[in-house]
Amino acid sequence: MAEIRLTFKEMCARFDVTPRTLRYYEYIELLQPERDGRSRFYSTRECARMTLIMRGRKFGIKLEEIRQWLKIYENEGTKVQMSAFVEMADHQLVELEEQAEQLSDAIKELRTLREETVKKLA
């Protein structure tokens, strides 16, 4: 795989994030771009990390959990990281299923209330 080197602006565009978001991810040590003066450059490694960060955010995983999970890979390797991911995914699945149930209940209640209101209007 060829090594890539994206600028700050290119990284924002590639992952459709704001400069503020990208700087924040650096601040909380999710990303560690190479620096050359004031310029930042993002390698293949940083792009892979950003892909994982974005995927985690999509699933509602907290940034601190993502940071710890990425740190496990650096310190302990892939197998431990995969085990940690399974545990994190199990926890998040429970959370999402609870949210889905609450949302389903709210939809049913709103639909019922709407139908009752339509009947009163008729």
PDB file of N, CA and C in Angstrom:
ATOM      1  N   MET A   1       0.849  -1.174   0.000  1.00  0.00           N
ATOM      2  CA  MET A   1       0.000   0.000   0.000  1.00  0.00           C
ATOM      3  C   MET A   1       0.896   1.238   0.000  1.00  0.00           C
ATOM      4  N   ALA A   2       0.617   2.137  -0.918  1.00  0.00           N
ATOM      5  CA  ALA A   2       1.420   3.344  -1.021  1.00  0.00           C
ATOM      6  C   ALA A   2       1.114   4.279   0.139  1.00  0.00           C
ATOM      7  N   GLU A   3       2.168   4.861   0.669  1.00  0.00           N
ATOM      8  CA  GLU A   3       2.006   5.801   1.782  1.00  0.00           C
ATOM      9  C   GLU A   3       1.382   7.087   1.251  1.00  0.00           C
ATOM     10  N   ILE A   4       0.339   7.547   1.933  1.00  0.00           N
ATOM     11  CA  ILE A   4      -0.276   8.808   1.538  1.00  0.00           C
ATOM     12  C   ILE A   4       0.120   9.888   2.523  1.00  0.00           C
ATOM     13  N   ARG A   5      -0.012  11.113   2.088  1.00  0.00           N
ATOM     14  CA  ARG A   5       0.358  12.263   2.915  1.00  0.00           C
ATOM     15  C   ARG A   5      -0.616  13.379   2.574  1.00  0.00           C
ATOM     16  N   LEU A   6      -1.653  13.493   3.409  1.00  0.00           N
ATOM     17  CA  LEU A   6      -2.678  14.498   3.174  1.00  0.00           C
ATOM     18  C   LEU A   6      -2.413  15.749   4.001  1.00  0.00           C
ATOM     19  N   THR A   7      -2.763  16.888   3.432  1.00  0.00           N
ATOM     20  CA  THR A   7      -2.674  18.136   4.182  1.00  0.00           C
ATOM     21  C   THR A   7      -3.888  18.223   5.104  1.00  0.00           C
ATOM     22  N   PHE A   8      -3.883  19.201   5.986  1.00  0.00           N
ATOM     23  CA  PHE A   8      -4.995  19.426   6.904  1.00  0.00           C
ATOM     24  C   PHE A   8      -6.299  19.604   6.124  1.00  0.00           C
ATOM     25  N   LYS A   9      -6.260  20.452   5.105  1.00  0.00           N
ATOM     26  CA  LYS A   9      -7.445  20.734   4.302  1.00  0.00           C
ATOM     27  C   LYS A   9      -7.926  19.482   3.566  1.00  0.00           C
ATOM     28  N   GLU A  10      -6.998  18.711   3.020  1.00  0.00           N
ATOM     29  CA  GLU A  10      -7.363  17.481   2.318  1.00  0.00           C
ATOM     30  C   GLU A  10      -7.988  16.457   3.274  1.00  0.00           C
ATOM     31  N   MET A  11      -7.461  16.395   4.488  1.00  0.00           N
ATOM     32  CA  MET A  11      -7.993  15.466   5.489  1.00  0.00           C
ATOM     33  C   MET A  11      -9.433  15.853   5.854  1.00  0.00           C
ATOM     34  N   CYS A  12      -9.673  17.136   6.046  1.00  0.00           N
ATOM     35  CA  CYS A  12     -11.040  17.609   6.345  1.00  0.00           C
ATOM     36  C   CYS A  12     -11.987  17.231   5.211  1.00  0.00           C
ATOM     37  N   ALA A  13     -11.561  17.450   3.986  1.00  0.00           N
ATOM     38  CA  ALA A  13     -12.406  17.156   2.828  1.00  0.00           C
ATOM     39  C   ALA A  13     -12.637  15.646   2.680  1.00  0.00           C
ATOM     40  N   ARG A  14     -11.589  14.879   2.846  1.00  0.00           N
ATOM     41  CA  ARG A  14     -11.705  13.421   2.668  1.00  0.00           C
ATOM     42  C   ARG A  14     -12.712  12.804   3.640  1.00  0.00           C
ATOM     43  N   PHE A  15     -12.728  13.297   4.881  1.00  0.00           N
ATOM     44  CA  PHE A  15     -13.605  12.709   5.901  1.00  0.00           C
ATOM     45  C   PHE A  15     -14.823  13.579   6.203  1.00  0.00           C
ATOM     46  N   ASP A  16     -14.989  14.657   5.452  1.00  0.00           N
ATOM     47  CA  ASP A  16     -16.126  15.553   5.589  1.00  0.00           C
ATOM     48  C   ASP A  16     -16.309  16.004   7.042  1.00  0.00           C
ATOM     49  N   VAL A  17     -15.221  16.517   7.613  1.00  0.00           N
ATOM     50  CA  VAL A  17     -15.256  17.057   8.975  1.00  0.00           C
ATOM     51  C   VAL A  17     -14.783  18.506   8.932  1.00  0.00           C
ATOM     52  N   THR A  18     -15.154  19.248   9.950  1.00  0.00           N
ATOM     53  CA  THR A  18     -14.731  20.638  10.032  1.00  0.00           C
ATOM     54  C   THR A  18     -13.295  20.709  10.547  1.00  0.00           C
ATOM     55  N   PRO A  19     -12.602  21.812  10.264  1.00  0.00           N
ATOM     56  CA  PRO A  19     -11.264  21.987  10.823  1.00  0.00           C
ATOM     57  C   PRO A  19     -11.280  21.905  12.353  1.00  0.00           C
ATOM     58  N   ARG A  20     -12.317  22.446  12.957  1.00  0.00           N
ATOM     59  CA  ARG A  20     -12.431  22.405  14.422  1.00  0.00           C
ATOM     60  C   ARG A  20     -12.479  20.961  14.933  1.00  0.00           C
ATOM     61  N   THR A  21     -13.241  20.107  14.240  1.00  0.00           N
ATOM     62  CA  THR A  21     -13.336  18.693  14.630  1.00  0.00           C
ATOM     63  C   THR A  21     -11.978  18.014  14.519  1.00  0.00           C
ATOM     64  N   LEU A  22     -11.301  18.244  13.416  1.00  0.00           N
ATOM     65  CA  LEU A  22     -10.000  17.615  13.202  1.00  0.00           C
ATOM     66  C   LEU A  22      -8.993  18.078  14.260  1.00  0.00           C
ATOM     67  N   ARG A  23      -8.982  19.370  14.550  1.00  0.00           N
ATOM     68  CA  ARG A  23      -8.077  19.874  15.591  1.00  0.00           C
ATOM     69  C   ARG A  23      -8.424  19.264  16.951  1.00  0.00           C
ATOM     70  N   TYR A  24      -9.717  19.096  17.234  1.00  0.00           N
ATOM     71  CA  TYR A  24     -10.139  18.499  18.504  1.00  0.00           C
ATOM     72  C   TYR A  24      -9.668  17.049  18.601  1.00  0.00           C
ATOM     73  N   TYR A  25      -9.787  16.295  17.519  1.00  0.00           N
ATOM     74  CA  TYR A  25      -9.320  14.905  17.527  1.00  0.00           C
ATOM     75  C   TYR A  25      -7.823  14.837  17.798  1.00  0.00           C
ATOM     76  N   GLU A  26      -7.092  15.815  17.304  1.00  0.00           N
ATOM     77  CA  GLU A  26      -5.661  15.882  17.606  1.00  0.00           C
ATOM     78  C   GLU A  26      -5.453  16.235  19.082  1.00  0.00           C
ATOM     79  N   TYR A  27      -6.203  17.194  19.576  1.00  0.00           N
ATOM     80  CA  TYR A  27      -6.076  17.656  20.957  1.00  0.00           C
ATOM     81  C   TYR A  27      -6.307  16.517  21.955  1.00  0.00           C
ATOM     82  N   ILE A  28      -7.297  15.656  21.674  1.00  0.00           N
ATOM     83  CA  ILE A  28      -7.578  14.549  22.594  1.00  0.00           C
ATOM     84  C   ILE A  28      -6.790  13.292  22.221  1.00  0.00           C
ATOM     85  N   GLU A  29      -5.814  13.463  21.342  1.00  0.00           N
ATOM     86  CA  GLU A  29      -4.844  12.433  20.983  1.00  0.00           C
ATOM     87  C   GLU A  29      -5.431  11.231  20.261  1.00  0.00           C
ATOM     88  N   LEU A  30      -6.474  11.481  19.472  1.00  0.00           N
ATOM     89  CA  LEU A  30      -6.966  10.429  18.585  1.00  0.00           C
ATOM     90  C   LEU A  30      -6.101  10.369  17.332  1.00  0.00           C
ATOM     91  N   LEU A  31      -5.600  11.512  16.925  1.00  0.00           N
ATOM     92  CA  LEU A  31      -4.740  11.621  15.744  1.00  0.00           C
ATOM     93  C   LEU A  31      -3.440  12.303  16.122  1.00  0.00           C
ATOM     94  N   GLN A  32      -2.381  11.917  15.437  1.00  0.00           N
ATOM     95  CA  GLN A  32      -1.075  12.527  15.673  1.00  0.00           C
ATOM     96  C   GLN A  32      -0.389  12.764  14.329  1.00  0.00           C
ATOM     97  N   PRO A  33      -0.779  13.833  13.633  1.00  0.00           N
ATOM     98  CA  PRO A  33      -0.192  14.092  12.324  1.00  0.00           C
ATOM     99  C   PRO A  33       1.277  14.488  12.430  1.00  0.00           C
ATOM    100  N   GLU A  34       1.957  14.286  11.330  1.00  0.00           N
ATOM    101  CA  GLU A  34       3.344  14.750  11.228  1.00  0.00           C
ATOM    102  C   GLU A  34       3.290  16.265  11.060  1.00  0.00           C
ATOM    103  N   ARG A  35       4.201  16.960  11.707  1.00  0.00           N
ATOM    104  CA  ARG A  35       4.214  18.421  11.613  1.00  0.00           C
ATOM    105  C   ARG A  35       5.500  18.880  10.933  1.00  0.00           C
ATOM    106  N   ASP A  36       5.318  19.881  10.101  1.00  0.00           N
ATOM    107  CA  ASP A  36       6.448  20.517   9.431  1.00  0.00           C
ATOM    108  C   ASP A  36       6.191  22.012   9.543  1.00  0.00           C
ATOM    109  N   GLY A  37       6.768  22.622  10.583  1.00  0.00           N
ATOM    110  CA  GLY A  37       6.457  24.019  10.886  1.00  0.00           C
ATOM    111  C   GLY A  37       5.020  24.095  11.370  1.00  0.00           C
ATOM    112  N   ARG A  38       4.230  24.927  10.708  1.00  0.00           N
ATOM    113  CA  ARG A  38       2.808  25.054  11.078  1.00  0.00           C
ATOM    114  C   ARG A  38       1.923  24.084  10.303  1.00  0.00           C
ATOM    115  N   SER A  39       2.498  23.411   9.313  1.00  0.00           N
ATOM    116  CA  SER A  39       1.727  22.495   8.477  1.00  0.00           C
ATOM    117  C   SER A  39       1.594  21.129   9.130  1.00  0.00           C
ATOM    118  N   ARG A  40       0.458  20.482   8.880  1.00  0.00           N
ATOM    119  CA  ARG A  40       0.216  19.129   9.373  1.00  0.00           C
ATOM    120  C   ARG A  40       0.050  18.216   8.162  1.00  0.00           C
ATOM    121  N   PHE A  41       0.563  17.009   8.296  1.00  0.00           N
ATOM    122  CA  PHE A  41       0.415  16.019   7.234  1.00  0.00           C
ATOM    123  C   PHE A  41      -0.057  14.708   7.841  1.00  0.00           C
ATOM    124  N   TYR A  42      -1.037  14.105   7.191  1.00  0.00           N
ATOM    125  CA  TYR A  42      -1.678  12.895   7.695  1.00  0.00           C
ATOM    126  C   TYR A  42      -1.276  11.706   6.834  1.00  0.00           C
ATOM    127  N   SER A  43      -0.739  10.701   7.494  1.00  0.00           N
ATOM    128  CA  SER A  43      -0.244   9.509   6.820  1.00  0.00           C
ATOM    129  C   SER A  43      -1.363   8.478   6.642  1.00  0.00           C
ATOM    130  N   THR A  44      -1.023   7.369   6.034  1.00  0.00           N
ATOM    131  CA  THR A  44      -1.944   6.243   5.879  1.00  0.00           C
ATOM    132  C   THR A  44      -2.452   5.806   7.247  1.00  0.00           C
ATOM    133  N   ARG A  45      -1.567   5.785   8.233  1.00  0.00           N
ATOM    134  CA  ARG A  45      -1.943   5.392   9.598  1.00  0.00           C
ATOM    135  C   ARG A  45      -3.017   6.312  10.154  1.00  0.00           C
ATOM    136  N   GLU A  46      -2.834   7.621   9.977  1.00  0.00           N
ATOM    137  CA  GLU A  46      -3.802   8.585  10.495  1.00  0.00           C
ATOM    138  C   GLU A  46      -5.135   8.471   9.754  1.00  0.00           C
ATOM    139  N   CYS A  47      -5.079   8.195   8.460  1.00  0.00           N
ATOM    140  CA  CYS A  47      -6.324   8.014   7.690  1.00  0.00           C
ATOM    141  C   CYS A  47      -7.064   6.768   8.169  1.00  0.00           C
ATOM    142  N   ALA A  48      -6.330   5.700   8.471  1.00  0.00           N
ATOM    143  CA  ALA A  48      -6.961   4.481   8.979  1.00  0.00           C
ATOM    144  C   ALA A  48      -7.592   4.745  10.345  1.00  0.00           C
ATOM    145  N   ARG A  49      -6.883   5.476  11.189  1.00  0.00           N
ATOM    146  CA  ARG A  49      -7.430   5.825  12.507  1.00  0.00           C
ATOM    147  C   ARG A  49      -8.685   6.687  12.352  1.00  0.00           C
ATOM    148  N   MET A  50      -8.649   7.633  11.423  1.00  0.00           N
ATOM    149  CA  MET A  50      -9.800   8.501  11.207  1.00  0.00           C
ATOM    150  C   MET A  50     -10.996   7.700  10.699  1.00  0.00           C
ATOM    151  N   THR A  51     -10.748   6.715   9.866  1.00  0.00           N
ATOM    152  CA  THR A  51     -11.822   5.843   9.381  1.00  0.00           C
ATOM    153  C   THR A  51     -12.478   5.126  10.558  1.00  0.00           C
ATOM    154  N   LEU A  52     -11.670   4.619  11.477  1.00  0.00           N
ATOM    155  CA  LEU A  52     -12.198   3.940  12.662  1.00  0.00           C
ATOM    156  C   LEU A  52     -12.942   4.911  13.577  1.00  0.00           C
ATOM    157  N   ILE A  53     -12.414   6.118  13.715  1.00  0.00           N
ATOM    158  CA  ILE A  53     -13.070   7.138  14.540  1.00  0.00           C
ATOM    159  C   ILE A  53     -14.447   7.455  13.961  1.00  0.00           C
ATOM    160  N   MET A  54     -14.503   7.681  12.666  1.00  0.00           N
ATOM    161  CA  MET A  54     -15.770   8.030  12.025  1.00  0.00           C
ATOM    162  C   MET A  54     -16.770   6.882  12.130  1.00  0.00           C
ATOM    163  N   ARG A  55     -16.297   5.669  11.982  1.00  0.00           N
ATOM    164  CA  ARG A  55     -17.174   4.503  12.120  1.00  0.00           C
ATOM    165  C   ARG A  55     -17.709   4.409  13.546  1.00  0.00           C
ATOM    166  N   GLY A  56     -16.833   4.612  14.524  1.00  0.00           N
ATOM    167  CA  GLY A  56     -17.251   4.580  15.920  1.00  0.00           C
ATOM    168  C   GLY A  56     -18.279   5.651  16.221  1.00  0.00           C
ATOM    169  N   ARG A  57     -18.059   6.856  15.704  1.00  0.00           N
ATOM    170  CA  ARG A  57     -19.016   7.952  15.920  1.00  0.00           C
ATOM    171  C   ARG A  57     -20.366   7.624  15.293  1.00  0.00           C
ATOM    172  N   LYS A  58     -20.329   6.998  14.119  1.00  0.00           N
ATOM    173  CA  LYS A  58     -21.568   6.610  13.441  1.00  0.00           C
ATOM    174  C   LYS A  58     -22.401   5.683  14.327  1.00  0.00           C
ATOM    175  N   PHE A  59     -21.724   4.822  15.058  1.00  0.00           N
ATOM    176  CA  PHE A  59     -22.415   3.871  15.932  1.00  0.00           C
ATOM    177  C   PHE A  59     -22.683   4.437  17.321  1.00  0.00           C
ATOM    178  N   GLY A  60     -22.320   5.697  17.539  1.00  0.00           N
ATOM    179  CA  GLY A  60     -22.608   6.344  18.812  1.00  0.00           C
ATOM    180  C   GLY A  60     -21.608   6.029  19.919  1.00  0.00           C
ATOM    181  N   ILE A  61     -20.453   5.537  19.564  1.00  0.00           N
ATOM    182  CA  ILE A  61     -19.429   5.216  20.570  1.00  0.00           C
ATOM    183  C   ILE A  61     -18.753   6.510  21.000  1.00  0.00           C
ATOM    184  N   LYS A  62     -18.553   6.663  22.295  1.00  0.00           N
ATOM    185  CA  LYS A  62     -17.950   7.877  22.851  1.00  0.00           C
ATOM    186  C   LYS A  62     -16.497   7.996  22.413  1.00  0.00           C
ATOM    187  N   LEU A  63     -16.061   9.245  22.228  1.00  0.00           N
ATOM    188  CA  LEU A  63     -14.686   9.496  21.780  1.00  0.00           C
ATOM    189  C   LEU A  63     -13.650   8.922  22.739  1.00  0.00           C
ATOM    190  N   GLU A  64     -13.910   9.002  24.038  1.00  0.00           N
ATOM    191  CA  GLU A  64     -12.956   8.464  25.005  1.00  0.00           C
ATOM    192  C   GLU A  64     -12.825   6.948  24.849  1.00  0.00           C
ATOM    193  N   GLU A  65     -13.915   6.258  24.576  1.00  0.00           N
ATOM    194  CA  GLU A  65     -13.845   4.812  24.340  1.00  0.00           C
ATOM    195  C   GLU A  65     -13.050   4.508  23.071  1.00  0.00           C
ATOM    196  N   ILE A  66     -13.266   5.320  22.034  1.00  0.00           N
ATOM    197  CA  ILE A  66     -12.517   5.147  20.788  1.00  0.00           C
ATOM    198  C   ILE A  66     -11.029   5.369  21.039  1.00  0.00           C
ATOM    199  N   ARG A  67     -10.704   6.417  21.800  1.00  0.00           N
ATOM    200  CA  ARG A  67      -9.298   6.722  22.097  1.00  0.00           C
ATOM    201  C   ARG A  67      -8.640   5.566  22.835  1.00  0.00           C
ATOM    202  N   GLN A  68      -9.322   5.038  23.835  1.00  0.00           N
ATOM    203  CA  GLN A  68      -8.767   3.911  24.594  1.00  0.00           C
ATOM    204  C   GLN A  68      -8.603   2.683  23.704  1.00  0.00           C
ATOM    205  N   TRP A  69      -9.569   2.455  22.835  1.00  0.00           N
ATOM    206  CA  TRP A  69      -9.519   1.307  21.944  1.00  0.00           C
ATOM    207  C   TRP A  69      -8.334   1.417  20.979  1.00  0.00           C
ATOM    208  N   LEU A  70      -8.111   2.613  20.428  1.00  0.00           N
ATOM    209  CA  LEU A  70      -6.972   2.816  19.528  1.00  0.00           C
ATOM    210  C   LEU A  70      -5.652   2.647  20.276  1.00  0.00           C
ATOM    211  N   LYS A  71      -5.622   3.081  21.535  1.00  0.00           N
ATOM    212  CA  LYS A  71      -4.407   2.958  22.355  1.00  0.00           C
ATOM    213  C   LYS A  71      -4.071   1.490  22.636  1.00  0.00           C
ATOM    214  N   ILE A  72      -5.089   0.662  22.791  1.00  0.00           N
ATOM    215  CA  ILE A  72      -4.866  -0.773  23.018  1.00  0.00           C
ATOM    216  C   ILE A  72      -4.054  -1.362  21.869  1.00  0.00           C
ATOM    217  N   TYR A  73      -4.388  -0.991  20.632  1.00  0.00           N
ATOM    218  CA  TYR A  73      -3.660  -1.507  19.470  1.00  0.00           C
ATOM    219  C   TYR A  73      -2.186  -1.135  19.543  1.00  0.00           C
ATOM    220  N   GLU A  74      -1.912   0.129  19.906  1.00  0.00           N
ATOM    221  CA  GLU A  74      -0.529   0.586  19.999  1.00  0.00           C
ATOM    222  C   GLU A  74       0.245  -0.176  21.060  1.00  0.00           C
ATOM    223  N   ASN A  75      -0.402  -0.450  22.195  1.00  0.00           N
ATOM    224  CA  ASN A  75       0.294  -1.051  23.328  1.00  0.00           C
ATOM    225  C   ASN A  75       0.258  -2.570  23.352  1.00  0.00           C
ATOM    226  N   GLU A  76      -0.842  -3.174  22.863  1.00  0.00           N
ATOM    227  CA  GLU A  76      -0.998  -4.605  23.068  1.00  0.00           C
ATOM    228  C   GLU A  76      -1.250  -5.413  21.808  1.00  0.00           C
ATOM    229  N   GLY A  77      -1.519  -4.783  20.691  1.00  0.00           N
ATOM    230  CA  GLY A  77      -1.676  -5.500  19.439  1.00  0.00           C
ATOM    231  C   GLY A  77      -3.112  -5.756  19.022  1.00  0.00           C
ATOM    232  N   THR A  78      -3.218  -6.398  17.875  1.00  0.00           N
ATOM    233  CA  THR A  78      -4.490  -6.576  17.197  1.00  0.00           C
ATOM    234  C   THR A  78      -5.478  -7.467  17.945  1.00  0.00           C
ATOM    235  N   LYS A  79      -5.032  -8.609  18.473  1.00  0.00           N
ATOM    236  CA  LYS A  79      -5.957  -9.550  19.104  1.00  0.00           C
ATOM    237  C   LYS A  79      -6.639  -8.930  20.331  1.00  0.00           C
ATOM    238  N   VAL A  80      -5.869  -8.253  21.156  1.00  0.00           N
ATOM    239  CA  VAL A  80      -6.430  -7.594  22.334  1.00  0.00           C
ATOM    240  C   VAL A  80      -7.375  -6.485  21.894  1.00  0.00           C
ATOM    241  N   GLN A  81      -6.996  -5.756  20.842  1.00  0.00           N
ATOM    242  CA  GLN A  81      -7.845  -4.681  20.331  1.00  0.00           C
ATOM    243  C   GLN A  81      -9.172  -5.245  19.817  1.00  0.00           C
ATOM    244  N   MET A  82      -9.108  -6.378  19.124  1.00  0.00           N
ATOM    245  CA  MET A  82     -10.341  -6.970  18.615  1.00  0.00           C
ATOM    246  C   MET A  82     -11.240  -7.426  19.762  1.00  0.00           C
ATOM    247  N   SER A  83     -10.658  -7.979  20.803  1.00  0.00           N
ATOM    248  CA  SER A  83     -11.452  -8.381  21.972  1.00  0.00           C
ATOM    249  C   SER A  83     -12.102  -7.166  22.623  1.00  0.00           C
ATOM    250  N   ALA A  84     -11.355  -6.091  22.736  1.00  0.00           N
ATOM    251  CA  ALA A  84     -11.894  -4.857  23.316  1.00  0.00           C
ATOM    252  C   ALA A  84     -13.014  -4.308  22.440  1.00  0.00           C
ATOM    253  N   PHE A  85     -12.850  -4.441  21.122  1.00  0.00           N
ATOM    254  CA  PHE A  85     -13.889  -3.966  20.213  1.00  0.00           C
ATOM    255  C   PHE A  85     -15.181  -4.762  20.395  1.00  0.00           C
ATOM    256  N   VAL A  86     -15.063  -6.068  20.530  1.00  0.00           N
ATOM    257  CA  VAL A  86     -16.257  -6.901  20.718  1.00  0.00           C
ATOM    258  C   VAL A  86     -17.001  -6.473  21.975  1.00  0.00           C
ATOM    259  N   GLU A  87     -16.265  -6.233  23.046  1.00  0.00           N
ATOM    260  CA  GLU A  87     -16.882  -5.786  24.298  1.00  0.00           C
ATOM    261  C   GLU A  87     -17.551  -4.416  24.115  1.00  0.00           C
ATOM    262  N   MET A  88     -16.861  -3.512  23.448  1.00  0.00           N
ATOM    263  CA  MET A  88     -17.396  -2.176  23.205  1.00  0.00           C
ATOM    264  C   MET A  88     -18.643  -2.257  22.307  1.00  0.00           C
ATOM    265  N   ALA A  89     -18.590  -3.099  21.280  1.00  0.00           N
ATOM    266  CA  ALA A  89     -19.726  -3.252  20.370  1.00  0.00           C
ATOM    267  C   ALA A  89     -20.922  -3.854  21.096  1.00  0.00           C
ATOM    268  N   ASP A  90     -20.682  -4.840  21.955  1.00  0.00           N
ATOM    269  CA  ASP A  90     -21.779  -5.443  22.721  1.00  0.00           C
ATOM    270  C   ASP A  90     -22.484  -4.390  23.571  1.00  0.00           C
ATOM    271  N   HIS A  91     -21.697  -3.575  24.235  1.00  0.00           N
ATOM    272  CA  HIS A  91     -22.264  -2.505  25.070  1.00  0.00           C
ATOM    273  C   HIS A  91     -23.071  -1.525  24.222  1.00  0.00           C
ATOM    274  N   GLN A  92     -22.514  -1.135  23.082  1.00  0.00           N
ATOM    275  CA  GLN A  92     -23.188  -0.158  22.236  1.00  0.00           C
ATOM    276  C   GLN A  92     -24.449  -0.745  21.612  1.00  0.00           C
ATOM    277  N   LEU A  93     -24.442  -2.028  21.289  1.00  0.00           N
ATOM    278  CA  LEU A  93     -25.641  -2.659  20.735  1.00  0.00           C
ATOM    279  C   LEU A  93     -26.793  -2.611  21.738  1.00  0.00           C
ATOM    280  N   VAL A  94     -26.493  -2.859  22.999  1.00  0.00           N
ATOM    281  CA  VAL A  94     -27.525  -2.775  24.039  1.00  0.00           C
ATOM    282  C   VAL A  94     -28.093  -1.357  24.087  1.00  0.00           C
ATOM    283  N   GLU A  95     -27.203  -0.365  24.069  1.00  0.00           N
ATOM    284  CA  GLU A  95     -27.629   1.044  24.104  1.00  0.00           C
ATOM    285  C   GLU A  95     -28.512   1.383  22.899  1.00  0.00           C
ATOM    286  N   LEU A  96     -28.077   0.974  21.710  1.00  0.00           N
ATOM    287  CA  LEU A  96     -28.830   1.293  20.498  1.00  0.00           C
ATOM    288  C   LEU A  96     -30.181   0.587  20.472  1.00  0.00           C
ATOM    289  N   GLU A  97     -30.218  -0.652  20.954  1.00  0.00           N
ATOM    290  CA  GLU A  97     -31.486  -1.387  21.001  1.00  0.00           C
ATOM    291  C   GLU A  97     -32.463  -0.719  21.964  1.00  0.00           C
ATOM    292  N   GLU A  98     -31.966  -0.220  23.094  1.00  0.00           N
ATOM    293  CA  GLU A  98     -32.820   0.512  24.034  1.00  0.00           C
ATOM    294  C   GLU A  98     -33.349   1.797  23.391  1.00  0.00           C
ATOM    295  N   GLN A  99     -32.481   2.507  22.692  1.00  0.00           N
ATOM    296  CA  GLN A  99     -32.901   3.734  22.021  1.00  0.00           C
ATOM    297  C   GLN A  99     -33.939   3.437  20.939  1.00  0.00           C
ATOM    298  N   ALA A 100     -33.730   2.342  20.199  1.00  0.00           N
ATOM    299  CA  ALA A 100     -34.673   1.961  19.147  1.00  0.00           C
ATOM    300  C   ALA A 100     -36.046   1.645  19.742  1.00  0.00           C
ATOM    301  N   GLU A 101     -36.061   0.967  20.870  1.00  0.00           N
ATOM    302  CA  GLU A 101     -37.324   0.641  21.537  1.00  0.00           C
ATOM    303  C   GLU A 101     -38.030   1.911  22.004  1.00  0.00           C
ATOM    304  N   GLN A 102     -37.273   2.834  22.604  1.00  0.00           N
ATOM    305  CA  GLN A 102     -37.858   4.099  23.049  1.00  0.00           C
ATOM    306  C   GLN A 102     -38.399   4.899  21.868  1.00  0.00           C
ATOM    307  N   LEU A 103     -37.671   4.899  20.782  1.00  0.00           N
ATOM    308  CA  LEU A 103     -38.099   5.623  19.590  1.00  0.00           C
ATOM    309  C   LEU A 103     -39.361   4.984  19.003  1.00  0.00           C
ATOM    310  N   SER A 104     -39.404   3.682  18.973  1.00  0.00           N
ATOM    311  CA  SER A 104     -40.580   2.964  18.479  1.00  0.00           C
ATOM    312  C   SER A 104     -41.807   3.297  19.318  1.00  0.00           C
ATOM    313  N   ASP A 105     -41.635   3.312  20.642  1.00  0.00           N
ATOM    314  CA  ASP A 105     -42.738   3.666  21.535  1.00  0.00           C
ATOM    315  C   ASP A 105     -43.218   5.094  21.284  1.00  0.00           C
ATOM    316  N   ALA A 106     -42.286   6.014  21.105  1.00  0.00           N
ATOM    317  CA  ALA A 106     -42.638   7.414  20.858  1.00  0.00           C
ATOM    318  C   ALA A 106     -43.391   7.552  19.531  1.00  0.00           C
ATOM    319  N   ILE A 107     -42.967   6.816  18.517  1.00  0.00           N
ATOM    320  CA  ILE A 107     -43.638   6.859  17.212  1.00  0.00           C
ATOM    321  C   ILE A 107     -45.070   6.344  17.340  1.00  0.00           C
ATOM    322  N   LYS A 108     -45.248   5.232  18.042  1.00  0.00           N
ATOM    323  CA  LYS A 108     -46.590   4.672  18.238  1.00  0.00           C
ATOM    324  C   LYS A 108     -47.484   5.667  18.978  1.00  0.00           C
ATOM    325  N   GLU A 109     -46.955   6.260  20.036  1.00  0.00           N
ATOM    326  CA  GLU A 109     -47.736   7.208  20.829  1.00  0.00           C
ATOM    327  C   GLU A 109     -48.119   8.438  20.010  1.00  0.00           C
ATOM    328  N   LEU A 110     -47.171   8.964  19.244  1.00  0.00           N
ATOM    329  CA  LEU A 110     -47.445  10.134  18.411  1.00  0.00           C
ATOM    330  C   LEU A 110     -48.469   9.795  17.335  1.00  0.00           C
ATOM    331  N   ARG A 111     -48.335   8.632  16.727  1.00  0.00           N
ATOM    332  CA  ARG A 111     -49.278   8.209  15.693  1.00  0.00           C
ATOM    333  C   ARG A 111     -50.699   8.109  16.272  1.00  0.00           C
ATOM    334  N   THR A 112     -50.824   7.502  17.463  1.00  0.00           N
ATOM    335  CA  THR A 112     -52.130   7.370  18.117  1.00  0.00           C
ATOM    336  C   THR A 112     -52.724   8.740  18.418  1.00  0.00           C
ATOM    337  N   LEU A 113     -51.918   9.621  18.993  1.00  0.00           N
ATOM    338  CA  LEU A 113     -52.376  10.969  19.322  1.00  0.00           C
ATOM    339  C   LEU A 113     -52.805  11.726  18.067  1.00  0.00           C
ATOM    340  N   ARG A 114     -52.053  11.576  16.994  1.00  0.00           N
ATOM    341  CA  ARG A 114     -52.390  12.225  15.723  1.00  0.00           C
ATOM    342  C   ARG A 114     -53.730  11.711  15.208  1.00  0.00           C
ATOM    343  N   GLU A 115     -53.921  10.375  15.217  1.00  0.00           N
ATOM    344  CA  GLU A 115     -55.174   9.791  14.729  1.00  0.00           C
ATOM    345  C   GLU A 115     -56.371  10.265  15.554  1.00  0.00           C
ATOM    346  N   GLU A 116     -56.198  10.334  16.890  1.00  0.00           N
ATOM    347  CA  GLU A 116     -57.281  10.830  17.757  1.00  0.00           C
ATOM    348  C   GLU A 116     -57.619  12.282  17.425  1.00  0.00           C
ATOM    349  N   THR A 117     -56.605  13.067  17.154  1.00  0.00           N
ATOM    350  CA  THR A 117     -56.795  14.475  16.821  1.00  0.00           C
ATOM    351  C   THR A 117     -57.499  14.617  15.474  1.00  0.00           C
ATOM    352  N   VAL A 118     -57.122  13.809  14.496  1.00  0.00           N
ATOM    353  CA  VAL A 118     -57.768  13.830  13.179  1.00  0.00           C
ATOM    354  C   VAL A 118     -59.254  13.496  13.329  1.00  0.00           C
ATOM    355  N   LYS A 119     -59.567  12.515  14.147  1.00  0.00           N
ATOM    356  CA  LYS A 119     -60.967  12.131  14.385  1.00  0.00           C
ATOM    357  C   LYS A 119     -61.752  13.279  15.006  1.00  0.00           C
ATOM    358  N   LYS A 120     -61.157  13.985  15.937  1.00  0.00           N
ATOM    359  CA  LYS A 120     -61.824  15.126  16.584  1.00  0.00           C
ATOM    360  C   LYS A 120     -62.058  16.264  15.587  1.00  0.00           C
ATOM    361  N   LEU A 121     -61.167  16.415  14.632  1.00  0.00           N
ATOM    362  CA  LEU A 121     -61.327  17.457  13.621  1.00  0.00           C
ATOM    363  C   LEU A 121     -62.454  17.140  12.659  1.00  0.00           C
ATOM    364  N   ALA A 122     -62.718  15.859  12.432  1.00  0.00           N
ATOM    365  CA  ALA A 122     -63.745  15.455  11.439  1.00  0.00           C
ATOM    366  C   ALA A 122     -65.157  15.703  11.885  1.00  0.00           C
TER     367      ALA A 122
END
